Amino acid sequence: MAKNGKSETRGLDLEHELPPAEDQTQESPAASTSAPASDVQSETQKLKAERDALLDRLARLQAEFENARKRAAREQQDYREYAVADALKSLLPVLDSFERALHASGADSNDIRSGVELIYKQLQDSLTKLGVNPIVAKGQTFDPRFHQAIEMVDTEEAEDHEVLEELQRGYKLKDRLLRPSMVKVARNPKS
């Protein structure tokens, strides 16, 4: 390990290296045993203090992590409970319109019909703003992802598996299906 008579110091931790041994011929045997024992004791006390500090820090970090986990769970629960609030705010004007229509006195059937049509339009607009869109079914080819077949009708007037009638409209929320359309489907033996 020596190059040109010099010792190699690469890779050694010189900062924590023990000092060279002193010449023990000058010291008495009692002095030689008491000095290292006190050094070992003080080093042991330092290590115990460092260990205790690290254990305390670990306990504090664990408690902090547990508190953060509980706080995140609480916030997630609150979000789930109140996420629908914005959707409900957009539907409240529709409810107000229904209440005004119910309290209107002396209106004829044409006025009531036009009022209900306006409320229907208002509700459609609110749902569209929330990302809810109707599924077009009538005249389309039956798609089991979006349509629920209630009845198969034998007919030669339509293509095989074509939706003849929509019994209940289906809806999607953005790209997800909320409710499939309930439909009657054509069965054409000639196709």
C-alpha atoms as a PDB file:
ATOM      1  CA  MET A   1       0.000   0.000   0.000  1.00  0.00           C
ATOM      2  CA  ALA A   2       2.958   2.309  -0.073  1.00  0.00           C
ATOM      3  CA  LYS A   3       4.042   4.258  -3.079  1.00  0.00           C
ATOM      4  CA  ASN A   4       7.558   5.604  -3.055  1.00  0.00           C
ATOM      5  CA  GLY A   5       7.792   5.145   0.696  1.00  0.00           C
ATOM      6  CA  LYS A   6       4.616   7.151   1.470  1.00  0.00           C
ATOM      7  CA  SER A   7       1.427   5.591   2.786  1.00  0.00           C
ATOM      8  CA  GLU A   8      -1.680   5.976   0.671  1.00  0.00           C
ATOM      9  CA  THR A   9      -4.489   7.976   2.378  1.00  0.00           C
ATOM     10  CA  ARG A  10      -7.175   7.778  -0.299  1.00  0.00           C
ATOM     11  CA  GLY A  11     -10.403   6.185   0.964  1.00  0.00           C
ATOM     12  CA  LEU A  12      -9.522   6.656   4.645  1.00  0.00           C
ATOM     13  CA  ASP A  13     -11.623   8.774   6.995  1.00  0.00           C
ATOM     14  CA  LEU A  14      -8.841  10.838   8.524  1.00  0.00           C
ATOM     15  CA  GLU A  15     -11.264  12.981  10.500  1.00  0.00           C
ATOM     16  CA  HIS A  16     -12.494  10.036  12.575  1.00  0.00           C
ATOM     17  CA  GLU A  17      -9.220   8.130  12.713  1.00  0.00           C
ATOM     18  CA  LEU A  18      -7.865   7.343  16.159  1.00  0.00           C
ATOM     19  CA  PRO A  19      -4.730   9.217  17.195  1.00  0.00           C
ATOM     20  CA  PRO A  20      -1.450   7.267  17.182  1.00  0.00           C
ATOM     21  CA  ALA A  21      -0.624   5.384  20.363  1.00  0.00           C
ATOM     22  CA  GLU A  22       1.583   7.246  22.807  1.00  0.00           C
ATOM     23  CA  ASP A  23       4.745   5.769  24.232  1.00  0.00           C
ATOM     24  CA  GLN A  24       3.531   3.852  27.274  1.00  0.00           C
ATOM     25  CA  THR A  25       6.947   3.558  28.867  1.00  0.00           C
ATOM     26  CA  GLN A  26       6.653   7.073  30.322  1.00  0.00           C
ATOM     27  CA  GLU A  27       3.195   6.546  31.956  1.00  0.00           C
ATOM     28  CA  SER A  28       2.418   4.571  35.036  1.00  0.00           C
ATOM     29  CA  PRO A  29       0.182   1.515  34.670  1.00  0.00           C
ATOM     30  CA  ALA A  30      -2.648   3.185  36.648  1.00  0.00           C
ATOM     31  CA  ALA A  31      -2.677   6.259  34.410  1.00  0.00           C
ATOM     32  CA  SER A  32      -2.796   4.158  31.270  1.00  0.00           C
ATOM     33  CA  THR A  33      -5.946   2.316  32.358  1.00  0.00           C
ATOM     34  CA  SER A  34      -7.881   5.274  33.802  1.00  0.00           C
ATOM     35  CA  ALA A  35      -7.529   7.611  30.825  1.00  0.00           C
ATOM     36  CA  PRO A  36      -8.902   5.204  28.189  1.00  0.00           C
ATOM     37  CA  ALA A  37     -11.697   4.087  30.526  1.00  0.00           C
ATOM     38  CA  SER A  38     -12.911   7.660  30.977  1.00  0.00           C
ATOM     39  CA  ASP A  39     -12.640   8.230  27.213  1.00  0.00           C
ATOM     40  CA  VAL A  40     -14.714   5.108  26.577  1.00  0.00           C
ATOM     41  CA  GLN A  41     -17.281   6.214  29.155  1.00  0.00           C
ATOM     42  CA  SER A  42     -17.596   9.694  27.685  1.00  0.00           C
ATOM     43  CA  GLU A  43     -17.823   8.247  24.163  1.00  0.00           C
ATOM     44  CA  THR A  44     -20.544   5.849  25.384  1.00  0.00           C
ATOM     45  CA  GLN A  45     -22.461   8.744  26.940  1.00  0.00           C
ATOM     46  CA  LYS A  46     -22.181  10.732  23.707  1.00  0.00           C
ATOM     47  CA  LEU A  47     -23.483   7.764  21.702  1.00  0.00           C
ATOM     48  CA  LYS A  48     -26.371   7.239  24.144  1.00  0.00           C
ATOM     49  CA  ALA A  49     -27.286  10.910  23.929  1.00  0.00           C
ATOM     50  CA  GLU A  50     -27.160  10.786  20.132  1.00  0.00           C
ATOM     51  CA  ARG A  51     -29.285   7.602  20.136  1.00  0.00           C
ATOM     52  CA  ASP A  52     -31.852   9.216  22.441  1.00  0.00           C
ATOM     53  CA  ALA A  53     -31.996  12.306  20.236  1.00  0.00           C
ATOM     54  CA  LEU A  54     -32.514  10.165  17.129  1.00  0.00           C
ATOM     55  CA  LEU A  55     -35.233   8.092  18.816  1.00  0.00           C
ATOM     56  CA  ASP A  56     -36.978  11.281  19.926  1.00  0.00           C
ATOM     57  CA  ARG A  57     -36.765  12.660  16.391  1.00  0.00           C
ATOM     58  CA  LEU A  58     -38.132   9.390  14.990  1.00  0.00           C
ATOM     59  CA  ALA A  59     -41.070   9.446  17.417  1.00  0.00           C
ATOM     60  CA  ARG A  60     -41.861  13.049  16.482  1.00  0.00           C
ATOM     61  CA  LEU A  61     -41.706  12.274  12.765  1.00  0.00           C
ATOM     62  CA  GLN A  62     -43.976   9.269  13.200  1.00  0.00           C
ATOM     63  CA  ALA A  63     -46.498  11.370  15.117  1.00  0.00           C
ATOM     64  CA  GLU A  64     -46.317  14.103  12.491  1.00  0.00           C
ATOM     65  CA  PHE A  65     -46.856  11.551   9.714  1.00  0.00           C
ATOM     66  CA  GLU A  66     -49.838  10.037  11.531  1.00  0.00           C
ATOM     67  CA  ASN A  67     -51.373  13.502  12.008  1.00  0.00           C
ATOM     68  CA  ALA A  68     -50.871  14.316   8.324  1.00  0.00           C
ATOM     69  CA  ARG A  69     -52.477  11.006   7.324  1.00  0.00           C
ATOM     70  CA  LYS A  70     -55.505  11.688   9.548  1.00  0.00           C
ATOM     71  CA  ARG A  71     -55.790  15.248   8.229  1.00  0.00           C
ATOM     72  CA  ALA A  72     -55.709  14.001   4.618  1.00  0.00           C
ATOM     73  CA  ALA A  73     -58.394  11.403   5.377  1.00  0.00           C
ATOM     74  CA  ARG A  74     -60.593  14.108   6.964  1.00  0.00           C
ATOM     75  CA  GLU A  75     -60.130  16.424   3.981  1.00  0.00           C
ATOM     76  CA  GLN A  76     -60.942  13.606   1.563  1.00  0.00           C
ATOM     77  CA  GLN A  77     -64.118  12.770   3.510  1.00  0.00           C
ATOM     78  CA  ASP A  78     -65.165  16.442   3.488  1.00  0.00           C
ATOM     79  CA  TYR A  79     -64.514  16.630  -0.241  1.00  0.00           C
ATOM     80  CA  ARG A  80     -66.698  13.566  -0.871  1.00  0.00           C
ATOM     81  CA  GLU A  81     -69.515  14.930   1.261  1.00  0.00           C
ATOM     82  CA  TYR A  82     -69.558  18.417  -0.266  1.00  0.00           C
ATOM     83  CA  ALA A  83     -68.385  17.813  -3.853  1.00  0.00           C
ATOM     84  CA  VAL A  84     -71.980  17.808  -5.049  1.00  0.00           C
ATOM     85  CA  ALA A  85     -72.544  21.354  -3.732  1.00  0.00           C
ATOM     86  CA  ASP A  86     -71.612  23.059  -7.016  1.00  0.00           C
ATOM     87  CA  ALA A  87     -73.905  20.746  -8.958  1.00  0.00           C
ATOM     88  CA  LEU A  88     -76.788  21.467  -6.623  1.00  0.00           C
ATOM     89  CA  LYS A  89     -76.243  25.231  -6.879  1.00  0.00           C
ATOM     90  CA  SER A  90     -76.784  25.054 -10.643  1.00  0.00           C
ATOM     91  CA  LEU A  91     -80.036  23.091 -10.145  1.00  0.00           C
ATOM     92  CA  LEU A  92     -81.560  25.464  -7.580  1.00  0.00           C
ATOM     93  CA  PRO A  93     -82.870  27.929 -10.219  1.00  0.00           C
ATOM     94  CA  VAL A  94     -84.776  25.045 -11.819  1.00  0.00           C
ATOM     95  CA  LEU A  95     -86.358  24.258  -8.460  1.00  0.00           C
ATOM     96  CA  ASP A  96     -87.267  27.941  -8.061  1.00  0.00           C
ATOM     97  CA  SER A  97     -88.957  27.911 -11.474  1.00  0.00           C
ATOM     98  CA  PHE A  98     -90.997  24.847 -10.535  1.00  0.00           C
ATOM     99  CA  GLU A  99     -92.132  26.543  -7.320  1.00  0.00           C
ATOM    100  CA  ARG A 100     -93.213  29.670  -9.231  1.00  0.00           C
ATOM    101  CA  ALA A 101     -95.134  27.513 -11.715  1.00  0.00           C
ATOM    102  CA  LEU A 102     -96.923  25.658  -8.922  1.00  0.00           C
ATOM    103  CA  HIS A 103     -97.932  28.890  -7.194  1.00  0.00           C
ATOM    104  CA  ALA A 104     -99.182  30.572 -10.381  1.00  0.00           C
ATOM    105  CA  SER A 105    -102.917  30.980 -10.188  1.00  0.00           C
ATOM    106  CA  GLY A 106    -105.353  31.403 -13.017  1.00  0.00           C
ATOM    107  CA  ALA A 107    -102.950  30.307 -15.758  1.00  0.00           C
ATOM    108  CA  ASP A 108    -104.366  28.522 -18.774  1.00  0.00           C
ATOM    109  CA  SER A 109    -102.954  25.266 -20.118  1.00  0.00           C
ATOM    110  CA  ASN A 110    -100.880  26.968 -22.853  1.00  0.00           C
ATOM    111  CA  ASP A 111     -99.118  29.159 -20.294  1.00  0.00           C
ATOM    112  CA  ILE A 112     -98.455  26.166 -18.060  1.00  0.00           C
ATOM    113  CA  ARG A 113     -97.098  24.155 -21.000  1.00  0.00           C
ATOM    114  CA  SER A 114     -94.773  26.935 -22.112  1.00  0.00           C
ATOM    115  CA  GLY A 115     -93.596  27.395 -18.505  1.00  0.00           C
ATOM    116  CA  VAL A 116     -92.825  23.690 -18.154  1.00  0.00           C
ATOM    117  CA  GLU A 117     -90.961  23.750 -21.481  1.00  0.00           C
ATOM    118  CA  LEU A 118     -88.834  26.649 -20.212  1.00  0.00           C
ATOM    119  CA  ILE A 119     -88.091  24.773 -16.995  1.00  0.00           C
ATOM    120  CA  TYR A 120     -87.161  21.662 -19.011  1.00  0.00           C
ATOM    121  CA  LYS A 121     -84.792  23.754 -21.141  1.00  0.00           C
ATOM    122  CA  GLN A 122     -83.307  25.335 -17.986  1.00  0.00           C
ATOM    123  CA  LEU A 123     -82.710  21.885 -16.492  1.00  0.00           C
ATOM    124  CA  GLN A 124     -81.080  20.618 -19.706  1.00  0.00           C
ATOM    125  CA  ASP A 125     -78.758  23.637 -19.743  1.00  0.00           C
ATOM    126  CA  SER A 126     -77.779  23.069 -16.095  1.00  0.00           C
ATOM    127  CA  LEU A 127     -77.016  19.405 -16.743  1.00  0.00           C
ATOM    128  CA  THR A 128     -75.004  20.249 -19.869  1.00  0.00           C
ATOM    129  CA  LYS A 129     -72.884  22.695 -17.840  1.00  0.00           C
ATOM    130  CA  LEU A 130     -72.180  19.859 -15.396  1.00  0.00           C
ATOM    131  CA  GLY A 131     -71.069  17.587 -18.273  1.00  0.00           C
ATOM    132  CA  VAL A 132     -74.223  15.443 -18.453  1.00  0.00           C
ATOM    133  CA  ASN A 133     -75.276  14.693 -22.035  1.00  0.00           C
ATOM    134  CA  PRO A 134     -78.096  12.528 -23.405  1.00  0.00           C
ATOM    135  CA  ILE A 135     -77.273   9.422 -25.422  1.00  0.00           C
ATOM    136  CA  VAL A 136     -78.740   9.452 -28.929  1.00  0.00           C
ATOM    137  CA  ALA A 137     -80.435   6.091 -29.436  1.00  0.00           C
ATOM    138  CA  LYS A 138     -83.276   6.131 -31.982  1.00  0.00           C
ATOM    139  CA  GLY A 139     -82.114   5.144 -35.465  1.00  0.00           C
ATOM    140  CA  GLN A 140     -78.676   4.066 -34.198  1.00  0.00           C
ATOM    141  CA  THR A 141     -77.251   0.559 -34.254  1.00  0.00           C
ATOM    142  CA  PHE A 142     -77.748  -1.187 -30.920  1.00  0.00           C
ATOM    143  CA  ASP A 143     -74.661  -0.781 -28.721  1.00  0.00           C
ATOM    144  CA  PRO A 144     -74.722  -2.770 -25.458  1.00  0.00           C
ATOM    145  CA  ARG A 145     -72.328  -0.264 -23.866  1.00  0.00           C
ATOM    146  CA  PHE A 146     -74.967   2.502 -24.097  1.00  0.00           C
ATOM    147  CA  HIS A 147     -78.285   0.745 -24.747  1.00  0.00           C
ATOM    148  CA  GLN A 148     -80.324  -1.705 -22.716  1.00  0.00           C
ATOM    149  CA  ALA A 149     -82.629  -3.774 -24.944  1.00  0.00           C
ATOM    150  CA  ILE A 150     -86.075  -4.153 -23.410  1.00  0.00           C
ATOM    151  CA  GLU A 151     -87.766  -5.698 -26.404  1.00  0.00           C
ATOM    152  CA  MET A 152     -86.832  -7.204 -29.761  1.00  0.00           C
ATOM    153  CA  VAL A 153     -89.337  -6.412 -32.521  1.00  0.00           C
ATOM    154  CA  ASP A 154     -89.538  -8.470 -35.722  1.00  0.00           C
ATOM    155  CA  THR A 155     -89.751  -6.048 -38.640  1.00  0.00           C
ATOM    156  CA  GLU A 156     -88.564  -5.718 -42.194  1.00  0.00           C
ATOM    157  CA  GLU A 157     -88.805  -1.922 -42.183  1.00  0.00           C
ATOM    158  CA  ALA A 158     -85.554  -1.409 -40.315  1.00  0.00           C
ATOM    159  CA  GLU A 159     -82.054  -2.857 -40.346  1.00  0.00           C
ATOM    160  CA  ASP A 160     -81.210  -5.705 -38.024  1.00  0.00           C
ATOM    161  CA  HIS A 161     -80.155  -4.463 -34.538  1.00  0.00           C
ATOM    162  CA  GLU A 162     -81.352  -0.904 -35.219  1.00  0.00           C
ATOM    163  CA  VAL A 163     -82.929   0.970 -32.301  1.00  0.00           C
ATOM    164  CA  LEU A 164     -86.601   1.490 -33.162  1.00  0.00           C
ATOM    165  CA  GLU A 165     -87.791   3.335 -30.093  1.00  0.00           C
ATOM    166  CA  GLU A 166     -86.287   4.909 -27.005  1.00  0.00           C
ATOM    167  CA  LEU A 167     -88.352   4.060 -23.917  1.00  0.00           C
ATOM    168  CA  GLN A 168     -86.108   5.891 -21.447  1.00  0.00           C
ATOM    169  CA  ARG A 169     -83.282   8.265 -22.350  1.00  0.00           C
ATOM    170  CA  GLY A 170     -79.769   7.354 -21.268  1.00  0.00           C
ATOM    171  CA  TYR A 171     -77.121   9.831 -20.094  1.00  0.00           C
ATOM    172  CA  LYS A 172     -73.353  10.117 -19.940  1.00  0.00           C
ATOM    173  CA  LEU A 173     -71.266  12.214 -17.568  1.00  0.00           C
ATOM    174  CA  LYS A 174     -68.445  13.384 -19.810  1.00  0.00           C
ATOM    175  CA  ASP A 175     -67.134  10.011 -21.044  1.00  0.00           C
ATOM    176  CA  ARG A 176     -68.728   7.790 -18.392  1.00  0.00           C
ATOM    177  CA  LEU A 177     -72.097   6.144 -18.639  1.00  0.00           C
ATOM    178  CA  LEU A 178     -74.578   7.326 -16.009  1.00  0.00           C
ATOM    179  CA  ARG A 179     -77.570   5.358 -17.231  1.00  0.00           C
ATOM    180  CA  PRO A 180     -78.078   3.308 -20.406  1.00  0.00           C
ATOM    181  CA  SER A 181     -80.966   4.055 -22.773  1.00  0.00           C
ATOM    182  CA  MET A 182     -83.830   1.579 -22.529  1.00  0.00           C
ATOM    183  CA  VAL A 183     -84.731   0.724 -26.121  1.00  0.00           C
ATOM    184  CA  LYS A 184     -86.720  -1.472 -28.495  1.00  0.00           C
ATOM    185  CA  VAL A 185     -84.468  -3.121 -31.073  1.00  0.00           C
ATOM    186  CA  ALA A 186     -85.341  -4.333 -34.568  1.00  0.00           C
ATOM    187  CA  ARG A 187     -84.825  -7.940 -35.539  1.00  0.00           C
ATOM    188  CA  ASN A 188     -84.802  -8.267 -39.328  1.00  0.00           C
ATOM    189  CA  PRO A 189     -84.477 -11.874 -40.457  1.00  0.00           C
ATOM    190  CA  LYS A 190     -83.616 -10.788 -44.047  1.00  0.00           C
ATOM    191  CA  SER A 191     -80.572  -8.727 -43.052  1.00  0.00           C
END
